[in-house]
Amino acid sequence: MRYARLRNLREDNDLTQKQLAARLQCSQRIYSDYETGKVGIPTEILIRLAIVYDTSIDYLLDMTDEKAPYARKLKIQV
């Protein structure tokens, strides 16, 4: 599965893969593999991405077109 929405969100936020990977505490190569679908995205990374982009995991995974995030129980900084 290719995650085009991840790439679009990253580009819309003027971030390089390297910059985003640093925020997610992973390498640029592994982040690239997430975007292209070569490897599955761990839950922890999905949570961080949802926080970075202020959206839901469902939106990240293209399961909904509703970008607004769900109400969150925890306030996590990334």
PDB file of N, CA and C in Angstrom:
ATOM      1  N   MET A   1       0.844  -1.180   0.000  1.00  0.00           N
ATOM      2  CA  MET A   1       0.000   0.000   0.000  1.00  0.00           C
ATOM      3  C   MET A   1       0.891   1.246   0.000  1.00  0.00           C
ATOM      4  N   ARG A   2       0.621   2.142  -0.889  1.00  0.00           N
ATOM      5  CA  ARG A   2       1.366   3.397  -0.974  1.00  0.00           C
ATOM      6  C   ARG A   2       0.587   4.468  -0.216  1.00  0.00           C
ATOM      7  N   TYR A   3       1.304   5.298   0.511  1.00  0.00           N
ATOM      8  CA  TYR A   3       0.666   6.316   1.329  1.00  0.00           C
ATOM      9  C   TYR A   3       0.874   7.702   0.727  1.00  0.00           C
ATOM     10  N   ALA A   4       0.179   7.973  -0.378  1.00  0.00           N
ATOM     11  CA  ALA A   4       0.310   9.255  -1.067  1.00  0.00           C
ATOM     12  C   ALA A   4      -0.100  10.414  -0.168  1.00  0.00           C
ATOM     13  N   ARG A   5      -1.053  10.199   0.715  1.00  0.00           N
ATOM     14  CA  ARG A   5      -1.505  11.273   1.593  1.00  0.00           C
ATOM     15  C   ARG A   5      -0.364  11.738   2.504  1.00  0.00           C
ATOM     16  N   LEU A   6       0.479  10.814   2.951  1.00  0.00           N
ATOM     17  CA  LEU A   6       1.615  11.207   3.784  1.00  0.00           C
ATOM     18  C   LEU A   6       2.548  12.141   3.021  1.00  0.00           C
ATOM     19  N   ARG A   7       2.812  11.801   1.790  1.00  0.00           N
ATOM     20  CA  ARG A   7       3.684  12.653   0.979  1.00  0.00           C
ATOM     21  C   ARG A   7       3.036  14.016   0.759  1.00  0.00           C
ATOM     22  N   ASN A   8       1.760  14.029   0.430  1.00  0.00           N
ATOM     23  CA  ASN A   8       1.068  15.295   0.182  1.00  0.00           C
ATOM     24  C   ASN A   8       1.073  16.178   1.425  1.00  0.00           C
ATOM     25  N   LEU A   9       0.800  15.613   2.578  1.00  0.00           N
ATOM     26  CA  LEU A   9       0.808  16.386   3.815  1.00  0.00           C
ATOM     27  C   LEU A   9       2.203  16.938   4.101  1.00  0.00           C
ATOM     28  N   ARG A  10       3.205  16.109   3.900  1.00  0.00           N
ATOM     29  CA  ARG A  10       4.587  16.553   4.133  1.00  0.00           C
ATOM     30  C   ARG A  10       4.942  17.718   3.225  1.00  0.00           C
ATOM     31  N   GLU A  11       4.626  17.584   1.960  1.00  0.00           N
ATOM     32  CA  GLU A  11       4.933  18.647   1.001  1.00  0.00           C
ATOM     33  C   GLU A  11       4.105  19.904   1.271  1.00  0.00           C
ATOM     34  N   ASP A  12       2.840  19.733   1.638  1.00  0.00           N
ATOM     35  CA  ASP A  12       1.987  20.888   1.966  1.00  0.00           C
ATOM     36  C   ASP A  12       2.529  21.671   3.160  1.00  0.00           C
ATOM     37  N   ASN A  13       3.266  20.983   4.029  1.00  0.00           N
ATOM     38  CA  ASN A  13       3.847  21.621   5.207  1.00  0.00           C
ATOM     39  C   ASN A  13       5.310  22.017   4.991  1.00  0.00           C
ATOM     40  N   ASP A  14       5.737  21.973   3.735  1.00  0.00           N
ATOM     41  CA  ASP A  14       7.107  22.371   3.354  1.00  0.00           C
ATOM     42  C   ASP A  14       8.176  21.646   4.165  1.00  0.00           C
ATOM     43  N   LEU A  15       7.988  20.354   4.343  1.00  0.00           N
ATOM     44  CA  LEU A  15       8.956  19.545   5.061  1.00  0.00           C
ATOM     45  C   LEU A  15       9.638  18.573   4.106  1.00  0.00           C
ATOM     46  N   THR A  16      10.916  18.353   4.312  1.00  0.00           N
ATOM     47  CA  THR A  16      11.612  17.304   3.573  1.00  0.00           C
ATOM     48  C   THR A  16      11.440  16.001   4.338  1.00  0.00           C
ATOM     49  N   GLN A  17      11.724  14.909   3.688  1.00  0.00           N
ATOM     50  CA  GLN A  17      11.679  13.624   4.385  1.00  0.00           C
ATOM     51  C   GLN A  17      12.662  13.628   5.547  1.00  0.00           C
ATOM     52  N   LYS A  18      13.814  14.214   5.346  1.00  0.00           N
ATOM     53  CA  LYS A  18      14.832  14.255   6.393  1.00  0.00           C
ATOM     54  C   LYS A  18      14.345  15.051   7.606  1.00  0.00           C
ATOM     55  N   GLN A  19      13.703  16.186   7.374  1.00  0.00           N
ATOM     56  CA  GLN A  19      13.193  16.995   8.481  1.00  0.00           C
ATOM     57  C   GLN A  19      12.109  16.249   9.259  1.00  0.00           C
ATOM     58  N   LEU A  20      11.201  15.639   8.534  1.00  0.00           N
ATOM     59  CA  LEU A  20      10.114  14.917   9.198  1.00  0.00           C
ATOM     60  C   LEU A  20      10.649  13.698   9.938  1.00  0.00           C
ATOM     61  N   ALA A  21      11.583  13.001   9.320  1.00  0.00           N
ATOM     62  CA  ALA A  21      12.183  11.837   9.974  1.00  0.00           C
ATOM     63  C   ALA A  21      12.843  12.243  11.294  1.00  0.00           C
ATOM     64  N   ALA A  22      13.488  13.390  11.323  1.00  0.00           N
ATOM     65  CA  ALA A  22      14.112  13.863  12.557  1.00  0.00           C
ATOM     66  C   ALA A  22      13.058  14.100  13.639  1.00  0.00           C
ATOM     67  N   ARG A  23      11.926  14.683  13.264  1.00  0.00           N
ATOM     68  CA  ARG A  23      10.842  14.904  14.234  1.00  0.00           C
ATOM     69  C   ARG A  23      10.267  13.590  14.739  1.00  0.00           C
ATOM     70  N   LEU A  24      10.255  12.591  13.882  1.00  0.00           N
ATOM     71  CA  LEU A  24       9.699  11.286  14.237  1.00  0.00           C
ATOM     72  C   LEU A  24      10.732  10.376  14.887  1.00  0.00           C
ATOM     73  N   GLN A  25      11.976  10.834  14.931  1.00  0.00           N
ATOM     74  CA  GLN A  25      13.085  10.071  15.498  1.00  0.00           C
ATOM     75  C   GLN A  25      13.318   8.761  14.757  1.00  0.00           C
ATOM     76  N   CYS A  26      13.360   8.873  13.425  1.00  0.00           N
ATOM     77  CA  CYS A  26      13.703   7.722  12.596  1.00  0.00           C
ATOM     78  C   CYS A  26      14.607   8.224  11.471  1.00  0.00           C
ATOM     79  N   SER A  27      15.124   7.328  10.671  1.00  0.00           N
ATOM     80  CA  SER A  27      15.994   7.741   9.575  1.00  0.00           C
ATOM     81  C   SER A  27      15.163   8.196   8.377  1.00  0.00           C
ATOM     82  N   GLN A  28      15.781   8.969   7.512  1.00  0.00           N
ATOM     83  CA  GLN A  28      15.108   9.425   6.287  1.00  0.00           C
ATOM     84  C   GLN A  28      14.742   8.222   5.424  1.00  0.00           C
ATOM     85  N   ARG A  29      15.608   7.246   5.391  1.00  0.00           N
ATOM     86  CA  ARG A  29      15.351   6.062   4.559  1.00  0.00           C
ATOM     87  C   ARG A  29      14.104   5.305   5.030  1.00  0.00           C
ATOM     88  N   ILE A  30      13.995   5.099   6.342  1.00  0.00           N
ATOM     89  CA  ILE A  30      12.819   4.364   6.833  1.00  0.00           C
ATOM     90  C   ILE A  30      11.566   5.191   6.612  1.00  0.00           C
ATOM     91  N   TYR A  31      11.660   6.522   6.775  1.00  0.00           N
ATOM     92  CA  TYR A  31      10.482   7.346   6.512  1.00  0.00           C
ATOM     93  C   TYR A  31      10.081   7.234   5.043  1.00  0.00           C
ATOM     94  N   SER A  32      11.043   7.246   4.146  1.00  0.00           N
ATOM     95  CA  SER A  32      10.759   7.079   2.725  1.00  0.00           C
ATOM     96  C   SER A  32      10.042   5.745   2.478  1.00  0.00           C
ATOM     97  N   ASP A  33      10.494   4.715   3.171  1.00  0.00           N
ATOM     98  CA  ASP A  33       9.854   3.398   3.046  1.00  0.00           C
ATOM     99  C   ASP A  33       8.411   3.429   3.548  1.00  0.00           C
ATOM    100  N   TYR A  34       8.119   4.256   4.562  1.00  0.00           N
ATOM    101  CA  TYR A  34       6.732   4.412   5.018  1.00  0.00           C
ATOM    102  C   TYR A  34       5.887   5.031   3.915  1.00  0.00           C
ATOM    103  N   GLU A  35       6.392   6.115   3.325  1.00  0.00           N
ATOM    104  CA  GLU A  35       5.625   6.818   2.278  1.00  0.00           C
ATOM    105  C   GLU A  35       5.354   5.931   1.073  1.00  0.00           C
ATOM    106  N   THR A  36       6.325   5.130   0.704  1.00  0.00           N
ATOM    107  CA  THR A  36       6.163   4.293  -0.481  1.00  0.00           C
ATOM    108  C   THR A  36       5.467   2.970  -0.184  1.00  0.00           C
ATOM    109  N   GLY A  37       5.254   2.691   1.093  1.00  0.00           N
ATOM    110  CA  GLY A  37       4.568   1.456   1.455  1.00  0.00           C
ATOM    111  C   GLY A  37       5.458   0.235   1.458  1.00  0.00           C
ATOM    112  N   LYS A  38       6.777   0.429   1.412  1.00  0.00           N
ATOM    113  CA  LYS A  38       7.692  -0.715   1.440  1.00  0.00           C
ATOM    114  C   LYS A  38       7.672  -1.413   2.788  1.00  0.00           C
ATOM    115  N   VAL A  39       7.414  -0.642   3.845  1.00  0.00           N
ATOM    116  CA  VAL A  39       7.295  -1.217   5.184  1.00  0.00           C
ATOM    117  C   VAL A  39       6.052  -0.647   5.849  1.00  0.00           C
ATOM    118  N   GLY A  40       5.483  -1.411   6.751  1.00  0.00           N
ATOM    119  CA  GLY A  40       4.324  -0.935   7.496  1.00  0.00           C
ATOM    120  C   GLY A  40       4.723   0.176   8.465  1.00  0.00           C
ATOM    121  N   ILE A  41       3.782   1.025   8.766  1.00  0.00           N
ATOM    122  CA  ILE A  41       4.043   2.147   9.664  1.00  0.00           C
ATOM    123  C   ILE A  41       3.654   1.729  11.082  1.00  0.00           C
ATOM    124  N   PRO A  42       4.605   1.762  12.005  1.00  0.00           N
ATOM    125  CA  PRO A  42       4.289   1.398  13.390  1.00  0.00           C
ATOM    126  C   PRO A  42       3.255   2.351  14.001  1.00  0.00           C
ATOM    127  N   THR A  43       2.480   1.841  14.921  1.00  0.00           N
ATOM    128  CA  THR A  43       1.437   2.636  15.572  1.00  0.00           C
ATOM    129  C   THR A  43       2.007   3.911  16.184  1.00  0.00           C
ATOM    130  N   GLU A  44       3.146   3.826  16.844  1.00  0.00           N
ATOM    131  CA  GLU A  44       3.761   5.005  17.471  1.00  0.00           C
ATOM    132  C   GLU A  44       4.040   6.102  16.447  1.00  0.00           C
ATOM    133  N   ILE A  45       4.491   5.714  15.275  1.00  0.00           N
ATOM    134  CA  ILE A  45       4.780   6.692  14.215  1.00  0.00           C
ATOM    135  C   ILE A  45       3.475   7.283  13.687  1.00  0.00           C
ATOM    136  N   LEU A  46       2.446   6.463  13.520  1.00  0.00           N
ATOM    137  CA  LEU A  46       1.152   6.983  13.078  1.00  0.00           C
ATOM    138  C   LEU A  46       0.605   8.014  14.063  1.00  0.00           C
ATOM    139  N   ILE A  47       0.752   7.729  15.337  1.00  0.00           N
ATOM    140  CA  ILE A  47       0.286   8.677  16.362  1.00  0.00           C
ATOM    141  C   ILE A  47       1.058   9.986  16.237  1.00  0.00           C
ATOM    142  N   ARG A  48       2.363   9.905  16.097  1.00  0.00           N
ATOM    143  CA  ARG A  48       3.184  11.117  15.969  1.00  0.00           C
ATOM    144  C   ARG A  48       2.825  11.905  14.711  1.00  0.00           C
ATOM    145  N   LEU A  49       2.604  11.201  13.607  1.00  0.00           N
ATOM    146  CA  LEU A  49       2.220  11.883  12.368  1.00  0.00           C
ATOM    147  C   LEU A  49       0.885  12.597  12.526  1.00  0.00           C
ATOM    148  N   ALA A  50      -0.060  11.938  13.170  1.00  0.00           N
ATOM    149  CA  ALA A  50      -1.368  12.562  13.396  1.00  0.00           C
ATOM    150  C   ALA A  50      -1.223  13.829  14.228  1.00  0.00           C
ATOM    151  N   ILE A  51      -0.322  13.812  15.198  1.00  0.00           N
ATOM    152  CA  ILE A  51      -0.083  14.995  16.021  1.00  0.00           C
ATOM    153  C   ILE A  51       0.606  16.086  15.211  1.00  0.00           C
ATOM    154  N   VAL A  52       1.628  15.728  14.462  1.00  0.00           N
ATOM    155  CA  VAL A  52       2.354  16.706  13.639  1.00  0.00           C
ATOM    156  C   VAL A  52       1.407  17.411  12.684  1.00  0.00           C
ATOM    157  N   TYR A  53       0.532  16.657  12.040  1.00  0.00           N
ATOM    158  CA  TYR A  53      -0.361  17.222  11.022  1.00  0.00           C
ATOM    159  C   TYR A  53      -1.730  17.621  11.578  1.00  0.00           C
ATOM    160  N   ASP A  54      -1.951  17.428  12.869  1.00  0.00           N
ATOM    161  CA  ASP A  54      -3.212  17.765  13.518  1.00  0.00           C
ATOM    162  C   ASP A  54      -4.396  17.149  12.769  1.00  0.00           C
ATOM    163  N   THR A  55      -4.327  15.844  12.633  1.00  0.00           N
ATOM    164  CA  THR A  55      -5.361  15.103  11.913  1.00  0.00           C
ATOM    165  C   THR A  55      -5.564  13.742  12.583  1.00  0.00           C
ATOM    166  N   SER A  56      -6.370  12.904  11.981  1.00  0.00           N
ATOM    167  CA  SER A  56      -6.602  11.562  12.531  1.00  0.00           C
ATOM    168  C   SER A  56      -5.771  10.525  11.776  1.00  0.00           C
ATOM    169  N   ILE A  57      -5.569   9.410  12.419  1.00  0.00           N
ATOM    170  CA  ILE A  57      -4.868   8.303  11.764  1.00  0.00           C
ATOM    171  C   ILE A  57      -5.696   7.800  10.583  1.00  0.00           C
ATOM    172  N   ASP A  58      -7.010   7.797  10.723  1.00  0.00           N
ATOM    173  CA  ASP A  58      -7.864   7.392   9.596  1.00  0.00           C
ATOM    174  C   ASP A  58      -7.603   8.259   8.369  1.00  0.00           C
ATOM    175  N   TYR A  59      -7.421   9.558   8.579  1.00  0.00           N
ATOM    176  CA  TYR A  59      -7.135  10.455   7.451  1.00  0.00           C
ATOM    177  C   TYR A  59      -5.768  10.129   6.856  1.00  0.00           C
ATOM    178  N   LEU A  60      -4.782   9.902   7.700  1.00  0.00           N
ATOM    179  CA  LEU A  60      -3.441   9.567   7.209  1.00  0.00           C
ATOM    180  C   LEU A  60      -3.459   8.318   6.333  1.00  0.00           C
ATOM    181  N   LEU A  61      -4.289   7.356   6.735  1.00  0.00           N
ATOM    182  CA  LEU A  61      -4.342   6.080   6.013  1.00  0.00           C
ATOM    183  C   LEU A  61      -5.379   6.072   4.893  1.00  0.00           C
ATOM    184  N   ASP A  62      -5.938   7.247   4.592  1.00  0.00           N
ATOM    185  CA  ASP A  62      -6.900   7.409   3.496  1.00  0.00           C
ATOM    186  C   ASP A  62      -8.179   6.604   3.716  1.00  0.00           C
ATOM    187  N   MET A  63      -8.565   6.470   4.993  1.00  0.00           N
ATOM    188  CA  MET A  63      -9.803   5.765   5.319  1.00  0.00           C
ATOM    189  C   MET A  63     -10.972   6.731   5.441  1.00  0.00           C
ATOM    190  N   THR A  64     -10.670   8.039   5.447  1.00  0.00           N
ATOM    191  CA  THR A  64     -11.682   9.084   5.492  1.00  0.00           C
ATOM    192  C   THR A  64     -11.123  10.316   4.797  1.00  0.00           C
ATOM    193  N   ASP A  65     -12.022  11.160   4.335  1.00  0.00           N
ATOM    194  CA  ASP A  65     -11.603  12.433   3.759  1.00  0.00           C
ATOM    195  C   ASP A  65     -11.774  13.576   4.760  1.00  0.00           C
ATOM    196  N   GLU A  66     -12.219  13.245   5.971  1.00  0.00           N
ATOM    197  CA  GLU A  66     -12.392  14.228   7.036  1.00  0.00           C
ATOM    198  C   GLU A  66     -11.049  14.448   7.713  1.00  0.00           C
ATOM    199  N   LYS A  67     -10.482  15.642   7.519  1.00  0.00           N
ATOM    200  CA  LYS A  67      -9.141  15.913   8.024  1.00  0.00           C
ATOM    201  C   LYS A  67      -9.116  16.237   9.515  1.00  0.00           C
ATOM    202  N   ALA A  68     -10.211  16.738  10.059  1.00  0.00           N
ATOM    203  CA  ALA A  68     -10.239  17.147  11.468  1.00  0.00           C
ATOM    204  C   ALA A  68      -9.901  15.968  12.376  1.00  0.00           C
ATOM    205  N   PRO A  69      -9.065  16.208  13.380  1.00  0.00           N
ATOM    206  CA  PRO A  69      -8.704  15.121  14.293  1.00  0.00           C
ATOM    207  C   PRO A  69      -9.838  14.808  15.251  1.00  0.00           C
ATOM    208  N   TYR A  70      -9.790  13.616  15.804  1.00  0.00           N
ATOM    209  CA  TYR A  70     -10.719  13.239  16.854  1.00  0.00           C
ATOM    210  C   TYR A  70     -10.274  13.933  18.142  1.00  0.00           C
ATOM    211  N   ALA A  71     -11.159  14.025  19.108  1.00  0.00           N
ATOM    212  CA  ALA A  71     -10.773  14.550  20.417  1.00  0.00           C
ATOM    213  C   ALA A  71      -9.728  13.623  21.006  1.00  0.00           C
ATOM    214  N   ARG A  72      -8.675  14.210  21.545  1.00  0.00           N
ATOM    215  CA  ARG A  72      -7.583  13.408  22.090  1.00  0.00           C
ATOM    216  C   ARG A  72      -7.621  13.398  23.606  1.00  0.00           C
ATOM    217  N   LYS A  73      -7.287  12.246  24.177  1.00  0.00           N
ATOM    218  CA  LYS A  73      -7.216  12.118  25.630  1.00  0.00           C
ATOM    219  C   LYS A  73      -5.916  12.700  26.165  1.00  0.00           C
ATOM    220  N   LEU A  74      -4.834  12.485  25.417  1.00  0.00           N
ATOM    221  CA  LEU A  74      -3.518  12.913  25.863  1.00  0.00           C
ATOM    222  C   LEU A  74      -3.006  14.069  25.035  1.00  0.00           C
ATOM    223  N   LYS A  75      -2.291  14.933  25.665  1.00  0.00           N
ATOM    224  CA  LYS A  75      -1.622  16.038  24.958  1.00  0.00           C
ATOM    225  C   LYS A  75      -0.152  15.640  24.818  1.00  0.00           C
ATOM    226  N   ILE A  76       0.245  15.250  23.619  1.00  0.00           N
ATOM    227  CA  ILE A  76       1.603  14.802  23.355  1.00  0.00           C
ATOM    228  C   ILE A  76       2.276  15.809  22.444  1.00  0.00           C
ATOM    229  N   GLN A  77       3.500  16.144  22.753  1.00  0.00           N
ATOM    230  CA  GLN A  77       4.276  17.059  21.918  1.00  0.00           C
ATOM    231  C   GLN A  77       5.224  16.241  21.028  1.00  0.00           C
ATOM    232  N   VAL A  78       5.349  16.650  19.773  1.00  0.00           N
ATOM    233  CA  VAL A  78       6.296  15.995  18.859  1.00  0.00           C
ATOM    234  C   VAL A  78       7.187  17.064  18.284  1.00  0.00           C
TER     235      VAL A  78
END
